[in-house]
């Protein structure tokens, strides 16, 4: 599961082509594969931010893709989404007026981008947290989203038919549990809790995944 497999991907690329100030944030990016793919497919690389906890992910990304800071000078912001100094929670904006251009390479946190980001991609990210912390992350990301029509928060994560703890077994690791939303509760979280009811459109798709060791659902 990655950004380019999501139904909204072509819309994202179109935003990059048609909206000069469109910014894409790949949050919880790990090696930044989705950010690199979007850049390769035409989203302006200078308007892409990849972010994860540690700067080492960027170093490992260069090793994996055989690039250097000179050959791939993209914006990577290390930081903790639960640290208000890096990403504070603010109410979603309704201001669609043009804003001054920000040099992304000069950023030390995501806070200067409140209300400025057109695309937020969160792949295999939300299910890392409890129900309460998922709501905090959702509110924090919502504050970053641009109010311009077409702006989008997308991703995929572990889902379930009825919200609750999903338990699975991994060989050699025993049982593990992840909190997962159902399509219904995920939709109501965004449309009603995070954003004002009726102000956003939420689309979900629950996909069953089965391997030799585990069986679960992923929700796009």
N, C-alpha and C. Protein backbone atom coordinates (compact mmCIF):
# COMPACT_ATOMS: atom_id res chain seq x y z
N UNK A 1 0.85 -1.19 0.00
CA UNK A 1 0.00 0.00 0.00
C UNK A 1 0.88 1.24 0.00
N UNK A 2 0.69 2.09 -0.99
CA UNK A 2 1.43 3.34 -1.04
C UNK A 2 0.58 4.41 -1.72
N UNK A 3 1.08 5.62 -1.74
CA UNK A 3 0.31 6.75 -2.25
C UNK A 3 -0.16 6.55 -3.68
N UNK A 4 0.72 6.04 -4.52
CA UNK A 4 0.37 5.91 -5.95
C UNK A 4 -0.71 4.87 -6.20
N UNK A 5 -1.02 4.02 -5.21
CA UNK A 5 -2.09 3.04 -5.36
C UNK A 5 -3.45 3.57 -4.92
N UNK A 6 -3.48 4.75 -4.34
CA UNK A 6 -4.74 5.29 -3.85
C UNK A 6 -5.55 5.89 -5.00
N UNK A 7 -6.89 5.77 -4.94
CA UNK A 7 -7.73 6.32 -6.01
C UNK A 7 -7.55 7.83 -6.21
N UNK A 8 -7.11 8.53 -5.18
CA UNK A 8 -6.99 9.98 -5.25
C UNK A 8 -5.66 10.44 -5.87
N UNK A 9 -4.81 9.50 -6.24
CA UNK A 9 -3.45 9.86 -6.66
C UNK A 9 -3.42 10.78 -7.88
N UNK A 10 -4.23 10.49 -8.88
CA UNK A 10 -4.23 11.34 -10.08
C UNK A 10 -4.71 12.76 -9.75
N UNK A 11 -5.65 12.85 -8.83
CA UNK A 11 -6.11 14.17 -8.37
C UNK A 11 -4.96 14.93 -7.71
N UNK A 12 -4.15 14.22 -6.94
CA UNK A 12 -3.00 14.85 -6.27
C UNK A 12 -2.01 15.38 -7.29
N UNK A 13 -1.70 14.58 -8.29
CA UNK A 13 -0.77 15.03 -9.33
C UNK A 13 -1.33 16.24 -10.07
N UNK A 14 -2.65 16.25 -10.29
CA UNK A 14 -3.28 17.38 -10.97
C UNK A 14 -3.17 18.65 -10.12
N UNK A 15 -3.33 18.51 -8.81
CA UNK A 15 -3.15 19.66 -7.93
C UNK A 15 -1.75 20.23 -8.08
N UNK A 16 -0.76 19.33 -8.15
CA UNK A 16 0.62 19.77 -8.31
C UNK A 16 0.85 20.51 -9.61
N UNK A 17 0.12 20.11 -10.65
CA UNK A 17 0.27 20.75 -11.96
C UNK A 17 -0.46 22.10 -12.03
N UNK A 18 -1.63 22.16 -11.42
CA UNK A 18 -2.51 23.32 -11.63
C UNK A 18 -2.49 24.35 -10.50
N UNK A 19 -2.03 23.95 -9.33
CA UNK A 19 -2.00 24.89 -8.20
C UNK A 19 -0.54 25.23 -7.89
N UNK A 20 -0.08 26.41 -8.28
CA UNK A 20 1.35 26.74 -8.16
C UNK A 20 1.91 26.62 -6.74
N UNK A 21 1.05 26.90 -5.75
CA UNK A 21 1.53 26.88 -4.37
C UNK A 21 1.18 25.58 -3.65
N UNK A 22 0.77 24.55 -4.40
CA UNK A 22 0.38 23.28 -3.77
C UNK A 22 1.57 22.64 -3.08
N UNK A 23 1.39 22.27 -1.80
CA UNK A 23 2.43 21.61 -1.02
C UNK A 23 1.94 20.22 -0.63
N UNK A 24 2.79 19.22 -0.79
CA UNK A 24 2.48 17.85 -0.40
C UNK A 24 3.31 17.48 0.82
N UNK A 25 2.66 17.02 1.87
CA UNK A 25 3.34 16.54 3.08
C UNK A 25 3.18 15.03 3.16
N UNK A 26 4.31 14.32 3.21
CA UNK A 26 4.32 12.87 3.43
C UNK A 26 4.71 12.65 4.88
N UNK A 27 3.70 12.46 5.75
CA UNK A 27 3.95 12.36 7.19
C UNK A 27 4.16 10.89 7.58
N UNK A 28 5.12 10.65 8.47
CA UNK A 28 5.47 9.27 8.80
C UNK A 28 6.06 8.58 7.59
N UNK A 29 6.97 9.30 6.91
CA UNK A 29 7.39 8.92 5.56
C UNK A 29 8.35 7.74 5.50
N UNK A 30 8.97 7.38 6.63
CA UNK A 30 10.02 6.35 6.63
C UNK A 30 11.11 6.75 5.63
N UNK A 31 11.32 5.99 4.57
CA UNK A 31 12.38 6.30 3.62
C UNK A 31 11.96 7.31 2.54
N UNK A 32 10.73 7.80 2.64
CA UNK A 32 10.28 8.82 1.69
C UNK A 32 9.95 8.30 0.31
N UNK A 33 9.57 7.03 0.23
CA UNK A 33 9.27 6.43 -1.07
C UNK A 33 8.11 7.13 -1.77
N UNK A 34 7.05 7.44 -1.02
CA UNK A 34 5.89 8.10 -1.64
C UNK A 34 6.25 9.49 -2.14
N UNK A 35 7.04 10.22 -1.37
CA UNK A 35 7.45 11.56 -1.79
C UNK A 35 8.27 11.49 -3.07
N UNK A 36 9.17 10.53 -3.14
CA UNK A 36 10.00 10.38 -4.34
C UNK A 36 9.15 9.99 -5.55
N UNK A 37 8.19 9.10 -5.34
CA UNK A 37 7.33 8.67 -6.43
C UNK A 37 6.50 9.83 -6.96
N UNK A 38 5.94 10.63 -6.06
CA UNK A 38 5.14 11.78 -6.48
C UNK A 38 5.98 12.76 -7.28
N UNK A 39 7.22 12.98 -6.85
CA UNK A 39 8.12 13.88 -7.58
C UNK A 39 8.43 13.32 -8.96
N UNK A 40 8.68 12.01 -9.02
CA UNK A 40 8.99 11.37 -10.30
C UNK A 40 7.81 11.45 -11.26
N UNK A 41 6.59 11.47 -10.71
CA UNK A 41 5.38 11.50 -11.54
C UNK A 41 4.90 12.92 -11.85
N UNK A 42 5.64 13.91 -11.39
CA UNK A 42 5.33 15.27 -11.83
C UNK A 42 4.92 16.27 -10.78
N UNK A 43 4.70 15.83 -9.52
CA UNK A 43 4.40 16.82 -8.49
C UNK A 43 5.68 17.60 -8.23
N UNK A 44 5.63 18.94 -8.25
CA UNK A 44 6.86 19.74 -8.10
C UNK A 44 7.66 19.35 -6.86
N UNK A 45 8.86 18.85 -7.08
CA UNK A 45 9.67 18.34 -5.97
C UNK A 45 9.97 19.42 -4.93
N UNK A 46 10.08 20.66 -5.37
CA UNK A 46 10.39 21.75 -4.44
C UNK A 46 9.23 22.01 -3.48
N UNK A 47 8.06 21.46 -3.79
CA UNK A 47 6.88 21.67 -2.94
C UNK A 47 6.50 20.41 -2.15
N UNK A 48 7.44 19.50 -2.01
CA UNK A 48 7.18 18.25 -1.27
C UNK A 48 7.98 18.24 0.02
N UNK A 49 7.31 17.89 1.12
CA UNK A 49 7.96 17.74 2.42
C UNK A 49 7.77 16.30 2.87
N UNK A 50 8.85 15.66 3.27
CA UNK A 50 8.79 14.34 3.89
C UNK A 50 9.15 14.51 5.36
N UNK A 51 8.43 13.81 6.24
CA UNK A 51 8.68 13.99 7.67
C UNK A 51 8.53 12.68 8.41
N UNK A 52 9.46 12.46 9.34
CA UNK A 52 9.40 11.32 10.25
C UNK A 52 10.16 11.68 11.51
N UNK A 53 10.21 10.76 12.45
CA UNK A 53 10.80 11.08 13.75
C UNK A 53 12.28 11.43 13.68
N UNK A 54 13.03 10.69 12.89
CA UNK A 54 14.49 10.79 12.96
C UNK A 54 15.11 11.14 11.62
N UNK A 55 16.15 11.95 11.66
CA UNK A 55 16.86 12.34 10.45
C UNK A 55 17.55 11.16 9.79
N UNK A 56 17.78 10.09 10.56
CA UNK A 56 18.43 8.90 10.00
C UNK A 56 17.63 8.30 8.86
N UNK A 57 16.31 8.50 8.86
CA UNK A 57 15.50 7.99 7.75
C UNK A 57 15.93 8.62 6.43
N UNK A 58 16.29 9.89 6.45
CA UNK A 58 16.76 10.55 5.24
C UNK A 58 18.09 9.95 4.79
N UNK A 59 18.98 9.71 5.73
CA UNK A 59 20.27 9.12 5.38
C UNK A 59 20.09 7.73 4.77
N UNK A 60 19.20 6.95 5.37
CA UNK A 60 18.94 5.60 4.84
C UNK A 60 18.24 5.67 3.49
N UNK A 61 17.40 6.68 3.29
CA UNK A 61 16.74 6.86 2.00
C UNK A 61 17.77 7.12 0.90
N UNK A 62 18.76 7.94 1.19
CA UNK A 62 19.81 8.20 0.21
C UNK A 62 20.56 6.91 -0.12
N UNK A 63 20.82 6.09 0.89
CA UNK A 63 21.51 4.82 0.66
C UNK A 63 20.65 3.89 -0.19
N UNK A 64 19.35 3.83 0.13
CA UNK A 64 18.45 2.92 -0.58
C UNK A 64 18.30 3.31 -2.04
N UNK A 65 18.16 4.60 -2.31
CA UNK A 65 17.91 5.06 -3.67
C UNK A 65 19.17 5.56 -4.37
N UNK A 66 20.31 5.42 -3.68
CA UNK A 66 21.61 5.80 -4.26
C UNK A 66 21.60 7.27 -4.71
N UNK A 67 21.13 8.13 -3.82
CA UNK A 67 21.15 9.57 -4.07
C UNK A 67 22.01 10.24 -3.00
N UNK A 68 22.19 11.53 -3.16
CA UNK A 68 22.92 12.34 -2.19
C UNK A 68 22.12 13.61 -1.93
N UNK A 69 22.46 14.36 -0.88
CA UNK A 69 21.78 15.64 -0.66
C UNK A 69 21.91 16.58 -1.86
N UNK A 70 22.96 16.42 -2.64
CA UNK A 70 23.14 17.27 -3.83
C UNK A 70 22.25 16.81 -4.98
N UNK A 71 22.16 15.49 -5.18
CA UNK A 71 21.37 14.98 -6.30
C UNK A 71 19.88 14.90 -5.98
N UNK A 72 19.54 14.85 -4.69
CA UNK A 72 18.14 14.82 -4.28
C UNK A 72 17.96 15.79 -3.10
N UNK A 73 17.97 17.09 -3.37
CA UNK A 73 17.91 18.11 -2.31
C UNK A 73 16.49 18.42 -1.87
N UNK A 74 15.78 17.42 -1.40
CA UNK A 74 14.39 17.63 -1.03
C UNK A 74 14.26 17.95 0.46
N UNK A 75 13.10 18.49 0.83
CA UNK A 75 12.87 18.89 2.21
C UNK A 75 12.49 17.69 3.07
N UNK A 76 13.30 17.41 4.09
CA UNK A 76 12.98 16.39 5.07
C UNK A 76 12.97 17.06 6.44
N UNK A 77 11.86 16.91 7.16
CA UNK A 77 11.74 17.52 8.48
C UNK A 77 11.61 16.44 9.54
N UNK A 78 12.64 16.21 10.35
CA UNK A 78 12.49 15.27 11.45
C UNK A 78 11.72 15.93 12.60
N UNK A 79 10.81 15.18 13.20
CA UNK A 79 10.06 15.74 14.31
C UNK A 79 8.95 14.82 14.78
N UNK A 80 8.42 15.14 15.95
CA UNK A 80 7.38 14.35 16.60
C UNK A 80 6.05 15.08 16.47
N UNK A 81 5.06 14.43 15.86
CA UNK A 81 3.76 15.09 15.65
C UNK A 81 3.05 15.39 16.96
N UNK A 82 3.48 14.79 18.06
CA UNK A 82 2.87 15.07 19.36
C UNK A 82 3.60 16.18 20.12
N UNK A 83 4.63 16.73 19.53
CA UNK A 83 5.38 17.83 20.14
C UNK A 83 4.83 19.14 19.60
N UNK A 84 4.17 19.96 20.44
CA UNK A 84 3.59 21.21 19.94
C UNK A 84 4.61 22.16 19.32
N UNK A 85 5.87 22.03 19.71
CA UNK A 85 6.89 22.88 19.11
C UNK A 85 7.13 22.50 17.65
N UNK A 86 6.80 21.25 17.31
CA UNK A 86 6.94 20.78 15.93
C UNK A 86 5.63 20.89 15.18
N UNK A 87 4.53 20.49 15.84
CA UNK A 87 3.20 20.55 15.21
C UNK A 87 2.16 20.79 16.28
N UNK A 88 1.70 22.01 16.38
CA UNK A 88 0.67 22.35 17.36
C UNK A 88 -0.71 22.14 16.74
N UNK A 89 -1.69 21.94 17.60
CA UNK A 89 -3.07 21.75 17.13
C UNK A 89 -3.75 23.11 17.02
N UNK A 90 -4.22 23.41 15.83
CA UNK A 90 -5.00 24.63 15.60
C UNK A 90 -6.28 24.25 14.86
N UNK A 91 -7.28 25.08 14.96
CA UNK A 91 -8.54 24.82 14.26
C UNK A 91 -8.33 24.89 12.75
N UNK A 92 -9.03 24.04 12.00
CA UNK A 92 -8.94 24.13 10.54
C UNK A 92 -9.30 25.53 10.06
N UNK A 93 -8.59 25.99 9.05
CA UNK A 93 -8.82 27.34 8.55
C UNK A 93 -9.91 27.36 7.48
N UNK A 94 -10.54 28.52 7.33
CA UNK A 94 -11.46 28.72 6.21
C UNK A 94 -10.97 29.86 5.32
N UNK A 95 -9.73 30.27 5.53
CA UNK A 95 -9.13 31.37 4.77
C UNK A 95 -8.52 30.84 3.48
N UNK A 96 -9.04 31.28 2.35
CA UNK A 96 -8.53 30.81 1.06
C UNK A 96 -7.73 31.89 0.34
N UNK A 97 -7.43 32.98 1.03
CA UNK A 97 -6.67 34.05 0.39
C UNK A 97 -5.22 33.62 0.17
N UNK A 98 -4.56 34.15 -0.86
CA UNK A 98 -3.16 33.79 -1.14
C UNK A 98 -2.26 34.13 0.04
N UNK A 99 -1.26 33.28 0.25
CA UNK A 99 -0.31 33.50 1.34
C UNK A 99 1.09 33.64 0.76
N UNK A 100 1.97 34.35 1.44
CA UNK A 100 3.35 34.49 0.95
C UNK A 100 4.02 33.14 0.81
N UNK A 101 4.87 33.01 -0.19
CA UNK A 101 5.61 31.77 -0.42
C UNK A 101 6.58 31.51 0.72
N UNK A 102 6.67 30.26 1.14
CA UNK A 102 7.60 29.86 2.19
C UNK A 102 8.69 28.99 1.58
N UNK A 103 9.93 29.27 1.94
CA UNK A 103 11.04 28.43 1.52
C UNK A 103 11.04 27.18 2.40
N UNK A 104 10.57 26.07 1.85
CA UNK A 104 10.42 24.85 2.65
C UNK A 104 11.74 24.39 3.24
N UNK A 105 12.83 24.63 2.55
CA UNK A 105 14.14 24.17 3.03
C UNK A 105 14.57 24.89 4.30
N UNK A 106 13.93 26.01 4.61
CA UNK A 106 14.30 26.78 5.80
C UNK A 106 13.50 26.38 7.03
N UNK A 107 12.52 25.49 6.86
CA UNK A 107 11.63 25.13 7.96
C UNK A 107 12.34 24.31 9.03
N UNK A 108 11.97 24.55 10.28
CA UNK A 108 12.44 23.76 11.41
C UNK A 108 11.29 22.98 12.04
N UNK A 109 10.08 23.32 11.67
CA UNK A 109 8.89 22.62 12.16
C UNK A 109 7.80 22.77 11.12
N UNK A 110 6.66 22.11 11.37
CA UNK A 110 5.52 22.21 10.46
C UNK A 110 4.60 23.38 10.80
N UNK A 111 4.80 24.00 11.93
CA UNK A 111 3.87 25.03 12.38
C UNK A 111 3.71 26.22 11.44
N UNK A 112 4.75 26.66 10.73
CA UNK A 112 4.53 27.77 9.78
C UNK A 112 3.61 27.42 8.62
N UNK A 113 3.27 26.13 8.50
CA UNK A 113 2.46 25.68 7.36
C UNK A 113 0.99 25.49 7.71
N UNK A 114 0.55 25.97 8.87
CA UNK A 114 -0.87 25.86 9.20
C UNK A 114 -1.72 26.51 8.11
N UNK A 115 -2.68 25.72 7.61
CA UNK A 115 -3.57 26.21 6.57
C UNK A 115 -2.93 26.35 5.20
N UNK A 116 -1.76 25.74 5.00
CA UNK A 116 -1.00 25.96 3.76
C UNK A 116 -0.79 24.70 2.92
N UNK A 117 -1.11 23.52 3.45
CA UNK A 117 -0.76 22.27 2.78
C UNK A 117 -1.95 21.74 1.98
N UNK A 118 -1.71 21.43 0.71
CA UNK A 118 -2.79 20.97 -0.18
C UNK A 118 -3.02 19.47 -0.08
N UNK A 119 -1.95 18.71 0.16
CA UNK A 119 -2.03 17.24 0.21
C UNK A 119 -1.27 16.74 1.43
N UNK A 120 -1.95 15.95 2.26
CA UNK A 120 -1.29 15.30 3.40
C UNK A 120 -1.45 13.81 3.21
N UNK A 121 -0.32 13.12 3.10
CA UNK A 121 -0.31 11.67 2.90
C UNK A 121 0.16 10.99 4.17
N UNK A 122 -0.66 10.07 4.68
CA UNK A 122 -0.31 9.33 5.90
C UNK A 122 -0.53 7.84 5.64
N UNK A 123 0.53 7.16 5.27
CA UNK A 123 0.46 5.73 4.95
C UNK A 123 0.95 4.91 6.14
N UNK A 124 0.15 3.94 6.57
CA UNK A 124 0.53 3.05 7.69
C UNK A 124 1.00 3.86 8.88
N UNK A 125 0.24 4.89 9.21
CA UNK A 125 0.65 5.85 10.25
C UNK A 125 -0.33 5.88 11.42
N UNK A 126 -1.60 6.10 11.15
CA UNK A 126 -2.56 6.26 12.24
C UNK A 126 -2.64 5.03 13.13
N UNK A 127 -2.53 3.84 12.56
CA UNK A 127 -2.71 2.64 13.38
C UNK A 127 -1.57 2.40 14.37
N UNK A 128 -0.55 3.25 14.33
CA UNK A 128 0.53 3.14 15.31
C UNK A 128 0.12 3.68 16.68
N UNK A 129 -1.05 4.34 16.74
CA UNK A 129 -1.43 5.06 17.94
C UNK A 129 -2.77 4.59 18.50
N UNK A 130 -3.02 4.93 19.76
CA UNK A 130 -4.29 4.61 20.41
C UNK A 130 -5.42 5.45 19.80
N UNK A 131 -6.64 5.13 20.17
CA UNK A 131 -7.79 5.90 19.65
C UNK A 131 -7.66 7.38 20.00
N UNK A 132 -7.29 7.66 21.25
CA UNK A 132 -7.18 9.05 21.69
C UNK A 132 -6.09 9.79 20.92
N UNK A 133 -4.96 9.13 20.71
CA UNK A 133 -3.85 9.79 20.03
C UNK A 133 -4.11 9.90 18.52
N UNK A 134 -4.88 8.98 17.97
CA UNK A 134 -5.28 9.12 16.56
C UNK A 134 -6.09 10.40 16.36
N UNK A 135 -6.96 10.70 17.32
CA UNK A 135 -7.76 11.92 17.23
C UNK A 135 -6.87 13.15 17.32
N UNK A 136 -5.86 13.11 18.19
CA UNK A 136 -4.93 14.23 18.32
C UNK A 136 -4.17 14.45 17.01
N UNK A 137 -3.71 13.35 16.40
CA UNK A 137 -2.99 13.47 15.12
C UNK A 137 -3.91 14.04 14.05
N UNK A 138 -5.14 13.54 14.01
CA UNK A 138 -6.09 14.02 13.00
C UNK A 138 -6.32 15.52 13.15
N UNK A 139 -6.48 15.99 14.37
CA UNK A 139 -6.70 17.42 14.60
C UNK A 139 -5.47 18.24 14.22
N UNK A 140 -4.30 17.70 14.53
CA UNK A 140 -3.06 18.41 14.19
C UNK A 140 -2.90 18.53 12.67
N UNK A 141 -3.17 17.44 11.96
CA UNK A 141 -3.04 17.46 10.50
C UNK A 141 -4.11 18.35 9.87
N UNK A 142 -5.30 18.33 10.43
CA UNK A 142 -6.39 19.15 9.89
C UNK A 142 -6.02 20.63 9.93
N UNK A 143 -5.28 21.03 10.95
CA UNK A 143 -4.87 22.43 11.06
C UNK A 143 -3.89 22.85 9.99
N UNK A 144 -3.21 21.87 9.38
CA UNK A 144 -2.25 22.16 8.31
C UNK A 144 -2.93 22.30 6.95
N UNK A 145 -4.11 21.71 6.81
CA UNK A 145 -4.73 21.59 5.49
C UNK A 145 -5.21 22.94 4.96
N UNK A 146 -4.92 23.18 3.70
CA UNK A 146 -5.41 24.39 3.02
C UNK A 146 -6.93 24.32 2.87
N UNK A 147 -7.57 25.48 2.97
CA UNK A 147 -9.02 25.54 2.79
C UNK A 147 -9.42 25.59 1.33
N UNK A 148 -8.46 25.64 0.42
CA UNK A 148 -8.79 25.68 -1.00
C UNK A 148 -9.48 24.38 -1.42
N UNK A 149 -10.45 24.50 -2.29
CA UNK A 149 -11.20 23.34 -2.77
C UNK A 149 -10.26 22.32 -3.40
N UNK A 150 -10.46 21.05 -3.06
CA UNK A 150 -9.64 19.99 -3.62
C UNK A 150 -8.51 19.54 -2.73
N UNK A 151 -8.23 20.29 -1.67
CA UNK A 151 -7.18 19.87 -0.73
C UNK A 151 -7.60 18.56 -0.08
N UNK A 152 -6.63 17.72 0.24
CA UNK A 152 -6.98 16.35 0.64
C UNK A 152 -6.01 15.79 1.68
N UNK A 153 -6.57 15.02 2.60
CA UNK A 153 -5.79 14.18 3.51
C UNK A 153 -6.08 12.74 3.10
N UNK A 154 -5.04 11.96 2.84
CA UNK A 154 -5.26 10.60 2.35
C UNK A 154 -4.27 9.65 3.02
N UNK A 155 -4.46 8.36 2.76
CA UNK A 155 -3.56 7.36 3.31
C UNK A 155 -4.24 6.02 3.42
N UNK A 156 -3.61 5.12 4.13
CA UNK A 156 -4.22 3.83 4.44
C UNK A 156 -3.60 3.32 5.73
N UNK A 157 -4.38 2.54 6.44
CA UNK A 157 -3.93 2.02 7.73
C UNK A 157 -4.82 0.84 8.09
N UNK A 158 -4.47 0.14 9.15
CA UNK A 158 -5.26 -1.01 9.57
C UNK A 158 -6.67 -0.54 9.92
N UNK A 159 -7.66 -1.23 9.38
CA UNK A 159 -9.05 -0.93 9.66
C UNK A 159 -9.77 -2.19 10.11
N UNK A 160 -11.05 -2.06 10.40
CA UNK A 160 -11.83 -3.21 10.86
C UNK A 160 -13.31 -2.96 10.61
N UNK A 161 -14.10 -4.02 10.66
CA UNK A 161 -15.54 -3.90 10.43
C UNK A 161 -16.22 -3.14 11.56
N UNK A 162 -15.77 -3.37 12.79
CA UNK A 162 -16.27 -2.65 13.97
C UNK A 162 -15.06 -2.12 14.72
N UNK A 163 -15.05 -0.84 15.07
CA UNK A 163 -13.86 -0.25 15.66
C UNK A 163 -13.46 -0.96 16.95
N UNK A 164 -12.16 -1.04 17.20
CA UNK A 164 -11.66 -1.70 18.40
C UNK A 164 -10.22 -2.15 18.20
N UNK A 165 -9.76 -2.96 19.12
CA UNK A 165 -8.39 -3.46 19.06
C UNK A 165 -8.33 -4.67 18.13
N UNK A 166 -7.47 -4.59 17.15
CA UNK A 166 -7.25 -5.70 16.22
C UNK A 166 -6.06 -6.49 16.72
N UNK A 167 -6.28 -7.77 16.97
CA UNK A 167 -5.20 -8.63 17.48
C UNK A 167 -4.75 -9.59 16.39
N UNK A 168 -3.47 -9.73 16.26
CA UNK A 168 -2.89 -10.65 15.29
C UNK A 168 -1.67 -11.31 15.88
N UNK A 169 -1.18 -12.29 15.18
CA UNK A 169 0.01 -13.00 15.61
C UNK A 169 1.05 -12.94 14.52
N UNK A 170 2.26 -12.57 14.89
CA UNK A 170 3.39 -12.63 13.98
C UNK A 170 4.33 -13.72 14.45
N UNK A 171 4.81 -14.50 13.52
CA UNK A 171 5.73 -15.59 13.86
C UNK A 171 6.93 -15.02 14.60
N UNK A 172 7.18 -15.57 15.79
CA UNK A 172 8.34 -15.13 16.56
C UNK A 172 8.09 -13.91 17.40
N UNK A 173 6.91 -13.29 17.25
CA UNK A 173 6.65 -12.04 17.98
C UNK A 173 5.45 -12.14 18.91
N UNK A 174 4.71 -13.25 18.86
CA UNK A 174 3.54 -13.39 19.69
C UNK A 174 2.40 -12.50 19.23
N UNK A 175 1.48 -12.20 20.16
CA UNK A 175 0.32 -11.37 19.83
C UNK A 175 0.67 -9.89 19.87
N UNK A 176 0.00 -9.13 19.03
CA UNK A 176 0.10 -7.68 19.10
C UNK A 176 -1.26 -7.10 18.80
N UNK A 177 -1.52 -5.93 19.31
CA UNK A 177 -2.82 -5.30 19.11
C UNK A 177 -2.69 -3.88 18.62
N UNK A 178 -3.56 -3.49 17.70
CA UNK A 178 -3.59 -2.14 17.17
C UNK A 178 -5.02 -1.63 17.25
N UNK A 179 -5.19 -0.37 17.64
CA UNK A 179 -6.54 0.18 17.58
C UNK A 179 -6.87 0.52 16.13
N UNK A 180 -8.05 0.12 15.70
CA UNK A 180 -8.46 0.37 14.32
C UNK A 180 -9.89 0.91 14.28
N UNK A 181 -10.09 1.88 13.41
CA UNK A 181 -11.43 2.41 13.17
C UNK A 181 -12.13 1.57 12.11
N UNK A 182 -13.45 1.61 12.12
CA UNK A 182 -14.26 1.08 11.03
C UNK A 182 -14.48 2.21 10.03
N UNK A 183 -14.92 1.89 8.82
CA UNK A 183 -15.23 2.97 7.87
C UNK A 183 -16.22 3.99 8.44
N UNK A 184 -17.19 3.51 9.21
CA UNK A 184 -18.20 4.41 9.77
C UNK A 184 -17.59 5.36 10.79
N UNK A 185 -16.82 4.81 11.73
CA UNK A 185 -16.26 5.67 12.78
C UNK A 185 -15.15 6.56 12.24
N UNK A 186 -14.42 6.08 11.22
CA UNK A 186 -13.38 6.90 10.60
C UNK A 186 -14.01 8.11 9.90
N UNK A 187 -15.11 7.87 9.23
CA UNK A 187 -15.80 8.97 8.54
C UNK A 187 -16.33 9.99 9.54
N UNK A 188 -16.93 9.50 10.63
CA UNK A 188 -17.51 10.42 11.61
C UNK A 188 -16.43 11.17 12.38
N UNK A 189 -15.23 10.57 12.51
CA UNK A 189 -14.12 11.26 13.16
C UNK A 189 -13.76 12.53 12.38
N UNK A 190 -13.60 12.38 11.07
CA UNK A 190 -13.21 13.52 10.24
C UNK A 190 -14.37 14.48 10.00
N UNK A 191 -15.53 13.92 9.71
CA UNK A 191 -16.70 14.75 9.40
C UNK A 191 -17.57 14.87 10.64
N UNK A 192 -17.22 15.80 11.51
CA UNK A 192 -18.01 15.99 12.72
C UNK A 192 -17.17 16.25 13.95
N UNK A 193 -16.06 15.50 14.11
CA UNK A 193 -15.17 15.73 15.24
C UNK A 193 -14.01 16.65 14.88
N UNK A 194 -13.32 16.32 13.81
CA UNK A 194 -12.15 17.10 13.41
C UNK A 194 -12.57 18.33 12.61
N UNK A 195 -13.37 18.11 11.60
CA UNK A 195 -13.92 19.21 10.79
C UNK A 195 -15.40 19.38 11.12
N UNK A 196 -15.91 20.57 10.87
CA UNK A 196 -17.33 20.82 11.08
C UNK A 196 -18.16 19.88 10.22
N UNK A 197 -19.21 19.33 10.82
CA UNK A 197 -20.07 18.38 10.12
C UNK A 197 -20.55 18.94 8.80
N UNK A 198 -20.36 18.17 7.73
CA UNK A 198 -20.82 18.56 6.41
C UNK A 198 -19.86 19.42 5.63
N UNK A 199 -18.72 19.77 6.23
CA UNK A 199 -17.77 20.66 5.55
C UNK A 199 -16.73 19.90 4.74
N UNK A 200 -16.62 18.58 4.94
CA UNK A 200 -15.65 17.77 4.20
C UNK A 200 -16.33 16.52 3.66
N UNK A 201 -15.71 15.95 2.64
CA UNK A 201 -16.17 14.69 2.07
C UNK A 201 -15.18 13.60 2.46
N UNK A 202 -15.68 12.51 3.02
CA UNK A 202 -14.83 11.40 3.44
C UNK A 202 -15.16 10.17 2.62
N UNK A 203 -14.14 9.57 2.01
CA UNK A 203 -14.31 8.34 1.25
C UNK A 203 -13.41 7.26 1.85
N UNK A 204 -13.95 6.07 2.04
CA UNK A 204 -13.17 4.97 2.60
C UNK A 204 -13.37 3.70 1.77
N UNK A 205 -12.38 2.84 1.84
CA UNK A 205 -12.47 1.52 1.22
C UNK A 205 -11.74 0.53 2.12
N UNK A 206 -12.42 -0.51 2.54
CA UNK A 206 -11.83 -1.53 3.40
C UNK A 206 -11.38 -2.70 2.54
N UNK A 207 -10.10 -3.02 2.62
CA UNK A 207 -9.51 -4.07 1.78
C UNK A 207 -8.99 -5.19 2.67
N UNK A 208 -9.42 -6.42 2.41
CA UNK A 208 -8.94 -7.55 3.20
C UNK A 208 -7.55 -7.97 2.72
N UNK A 209 -6.67 -8.19 3.67
CA UNK A 209 -5.29 -8.60 3.38
C UNK A 209 -5.03 -9.92 4.09
N UNK A 210 -4.55 -10.89 3.36
CA UNK A 210 -4.26 -12.19 3.96
C UNK A 210 -2.87 -12.65 3.54
N UNK A 211 -2.06 -13.01 4.50
CA UNK A 211 -0.75 -13.59 4.23
C UNK A 211 -0.68 -14.93 4.93
N UNK A 212 0.44 -15.57 4.83
CA UNK A 212 0.60 -16.87 5.48
C UNK A 212 0.46 -16.76 7.00
N UNK A 213 0.85 -15.59 7.53
CA UNK A 213 0.91 -15.44 8.98
C UNK A 213 -0.24 -14.64 9.58
N UNK A 214 -0.79 -13.70 8.83
CA UNK A 214 -1.81 -12.81 9.40
C UNK A 214 -2.93 -12.57 8.40
N UNK A 215 -4.07 -12.17 8.95
CA UNK A 215 -5.21 -11.78 8.12
C UNK A 215 -5.83 -10.54 8.76
N UNK A 216 -6.02 -9.49 7.99
CA UNK A 216 -6.52 -8.24 8.55
C UNK A 216 -7.09 -7.38 7.43
N UNK A 217 -7.61 -6.21 7.80
CA UNK A 217 -8.14 -5.26 6.83
C UNK A 217 -7.26 -4.01 6.81
N UNK A 218 -7.08 -3.45 5.62
CA UNK A 218 -6.48 -2.13 5.49
C UNK A 218 -7.57 -1.19 4.98
N UNK A 219 -7.61 0.00 5.53
CA UNK A 219 -8.62 0.97 5.13
C UNK A 219 -7.95 2.13 4.41
N UNK A 220 -8.38 2.37 3.16
CA UNK A 220 -7.89 3.51 2.39
C UNK A 220 -8.78 4.71 2.67
